[in-house]
Each structure stands twice: as structure tokens, then as C-alpha cells.
Amino acid sequence: MNLSNIKIPHTFIFLFLIIVFCAALSYVIPSGTYQRESRVVHKIEQSVVVPGSFEEIPKNYSLKGVFIEEPKIGRASPNSVFGVLLAIPKGLTQSATLIFYIFILGAVFALILETKTIHAVLAGLIKRFKNSPTLLFLLIYILISAGSSFMGISIEVIPLIPILVVLAKQQGYDKMFGVALGILPVSIGWSTAITNPFTVQIAQQIAELPIGSGILFRVVIFLIGIVLGFGYLMRYGNKVRAKKRVSLAEFSKDDNLSTDEISGVILSKKHLIIVVVLVVGYGGILAAVQLMGWGLLEMSAGFLGIGLAAMWISGMSGKESMAAFEKGLRMMIIPALIVGVARGISVVMQESQIMDSILFHFSNALSVLPKSVATVGMLVFQSFLNFFIPSASGQALVSMPLMTPLADILGFSRQTAVLAFILGDGFSNLIIPTNAVLMAMIGVVSVSFTKWIRFVMPIFIMLMIMAAISMVVAVTIGY
């Protein structure tokens, strides 16, 4: 079986099918509700489920209600056909702030990429450490990991893959080593999500947690992940170079690869200033979130400021800047709209009042298990869900509205539920064929998905074991 040929519907179609499925469940699953109470944690008001307060609500069935809502006081109405259609615009409306935040992030990062700052930094590293290949690869690995973990860099690495492959070839390594030098740090950085705006920040907003909270534990996981990933990569590469194992992806005469894209880029004072502006600006935004209570609106304005500063420092013309800005917006159309469509799932479950019923029965089933086992189960669930919803932000909108109150009921922290989401979403990106970024990265240098799976499966298993241990530790320390 060729795994690369696995096909599932487009994410929009799949999410709409989930909305329809959840609407159909509203005719079968009893409606009910928990009482909720408000509490303030770190200046953020949280709506918390009161354990043991679940009450079932009688249904209001009618022929008219199948096609259009027919509300009745004291009863819950199953979703209508019109209600299903209405769920998507309602989801888009409710997610408007988050959608514009994603648009702005994508546009600003595209603008920074157009300044060639990333290319210049990489070119500078190659020139400085060309005689120390292991140190060079480590610095590249850390740079990409940090970019992914702190700023959510992922798709931006695709153009760098051919360059990394050429570097690998120049040092006597095979093509698989070069591909993995890009993919592994992206995935590990994305998974540990120290401040990743597309994963942990969205999940924490949904879970009503301070954005950026719990960072120290994620830093520890990030460092462990770097050691595991880089150690595995170098062990494979050194064995291939020493002819102690068979290469999983050798170079061929048909490979048309060069470093021309960065070889002509010189690390200038402008590039260094842009790096400083990006680091200081992003740090300032995170500090403002913690100290001044900034939300997504203020963060969006902050990123716009960084983009404008980078544009001015680079000396790009208005036409060039806007072309890059528009390119970033186009790249974010699908991820941003997925957020709104995914929110429609919550809309239909909340309006038919079956979400609390699902929580009630799910929590009863998990309550007989130790908390550590239950959290590992959440990790596995998130990994499985990622196959069908490879968009991290979209997946957060699907799962976190359910996982957040579930954590309250089972008695472990919401931060632990967020951790299960980011680790499950992130590491599974290494092996799922529905991950468009992964398929693009291996496809750009003609590495088959089957060969990639043979290479990555051992480190994927190690990382998932680390993730499971991290979940157990999180419960133990009350993370």
C-alpha cells in the first residue's frame, strides 16, 4: 500500500461533514447542561463547569424544526437544516478576531521573508562554520526549531529544504539527512510551542488561560526534544557517511539542486537590525500580554508595527512591500477560514445543547482511570484528530472547547489539556500524509513518503514516549 496515495476530503469538506454529523447527533444524544461558575485566574475570568451539576433537558421534536429552528422554552431543539448552514457564518463571526490575527501574522512574516533576512542569516552561518559541519548543522537545527517554537515558522522553511540538502551533500551526507535537517526541527519546535501563535496561543485563549503561561515547562520539553531529534539525525547521518548503514535516499544525477538562492545574499547591517527588531518586538508583545493584559487585537497591532519597521529598514518600495504583504495574506486564506468553519462544530453542539451531554458521559468513562492515563488518552486523541484536521488552529477550535471543561471535571489543569493538544498535534505532523507542509518538503527534493516513514518512525516513537511522559509529569506537578 502506498501511503502517499491516501486521500481524504478537503479540510473544508471534512469539517462541514463533521458539522452535519454533529447536527445528526442532536437527534440521538440527549441534551443537557452543567451549571457554570466564574473564577478569576491571573486577571482572566474563566467560566468553569461545576462537577456533579449536570441536568438533562427534554427535547423539542417537530417536523418544522427539522428545516428551521422552532425554539420552545424549557426544551432543547435539535439542529435544523438551516441551522447547519447558519453554523458556518456564525463560526466565522465568533472567530473574527482570531481570523484577522492569523491574516496579519502571515502577511508580516511574508514581508520579513521578502527582506531576505532569513536567507542572509543562514548564508552567514554557512560561511562562518563551513569547516565545522556538525556545529553548523546544530546551529541551523536550533535556529529553525526556535523559529517554529516561538513564532510558528513552518511553511516558510519549504524553500530552504533544497539548500539544506545541498549542504548535506557537500559534507558527505545523503539526501534524507538534508530533508530531515529541515523537517525535524520544524516539527519539534512546532510541537513544544513555547510561544507558537498558531497553536499554544490560540489554545490558551480558548481555554481562558493567560497567553504565554506555563512557558517554563514547555521550554524544558523543547530542549529535550532538540537533543533527541538532533542526536537521532546525526547518528543516522554519520552511519550513512561511514558506510555503516544503507542510505534511505541517495542523490541521483537527475537532482537539480544548488545554493544559489542564498549564496548571493550577504548578511548586512540592515538584516541584523531587522533580526533585532523582530526579537525585541516579539518579546515586547509577549511581555505586554503578561503585564498589560494584551489580547489578540493588541497583539495584531504589535505585529503590524514589526512589519512596518522591517519594511522601512529594508528599504523596500511600497509596491514590493505590498506584493509581499498580499502574498502572505493569500497563504493564510485557508488556515484562517478553517478556524471559522471549525468553530461551526461548536456552534451546532452548543445550540442543540449536546456538548455538555458528551462531556458528562466522556468524563464518567475517564473518571475510573488514573489522571495520568486520562491525559495520555487526550494526547492520543489529539494525534488521531490531526490526521483529519491537519490545521493546528482549526483543530484547536474543534477539540479545545471539549477538552477544557473535561479537564475541569476530571480535576487536572487546563494548562495540561493545552499541553496534550500541542504535543498531539505537533509530533503527529511527522507521519501524517494529510500534512501538506510535510508532503511539500519531501516532494520538493523527490523523497518518497514511504522512505520518509522508514526514516522518521523510530524518532517519532521516541518523541511520543517523551510526550506521554511529559503528560504524566504535568499531572504529577500540577502544571
Foldseek 3Di string as FASTA:
>chain_A
DAQLPDDDDDLLVLLLVLLVVLLVCLVPFFFKDFDWDWDADLNFIDTAGDAPRIDTFAADDDPVLQAPNDDDPRHFYRHHPVNSVVLLVVLCVVCVLVLVLLLLLLLLVLLLVVLCLVLQVLLVLCVVCVVPVLVSLLVLLVVLLQCCQAANDFLSCQVVLLVQQVSCVVVQFFSLLSLLSNVQSNLLSQLLNLQHCQALQLLCVLLRHQRNPPNVLSVVLSVVSSCLSSVLSVVVRVCVSVVVDPDLGHDDPPFDGDSVVRNPHHNDPLSVVLVVLVVVLSVVLSVCSSPVVDDSVVVSVSSVVSSVVNCVSSVDDPVSSVVSSVVSSVVSPVLSSLSSSLLSSVVSCVSSNCLVVVLVVVLVVCLVDPPLVVLLVLLQVLLVVCLSVVRNSNSSSNPSVNQSNSCSNSPAHSVLSSSSNSNSSRLSLQQHSVNPSSCSSCPVRVNRSVSSCVSCVVSSVVSSVSSSVSSNVCRVVRD
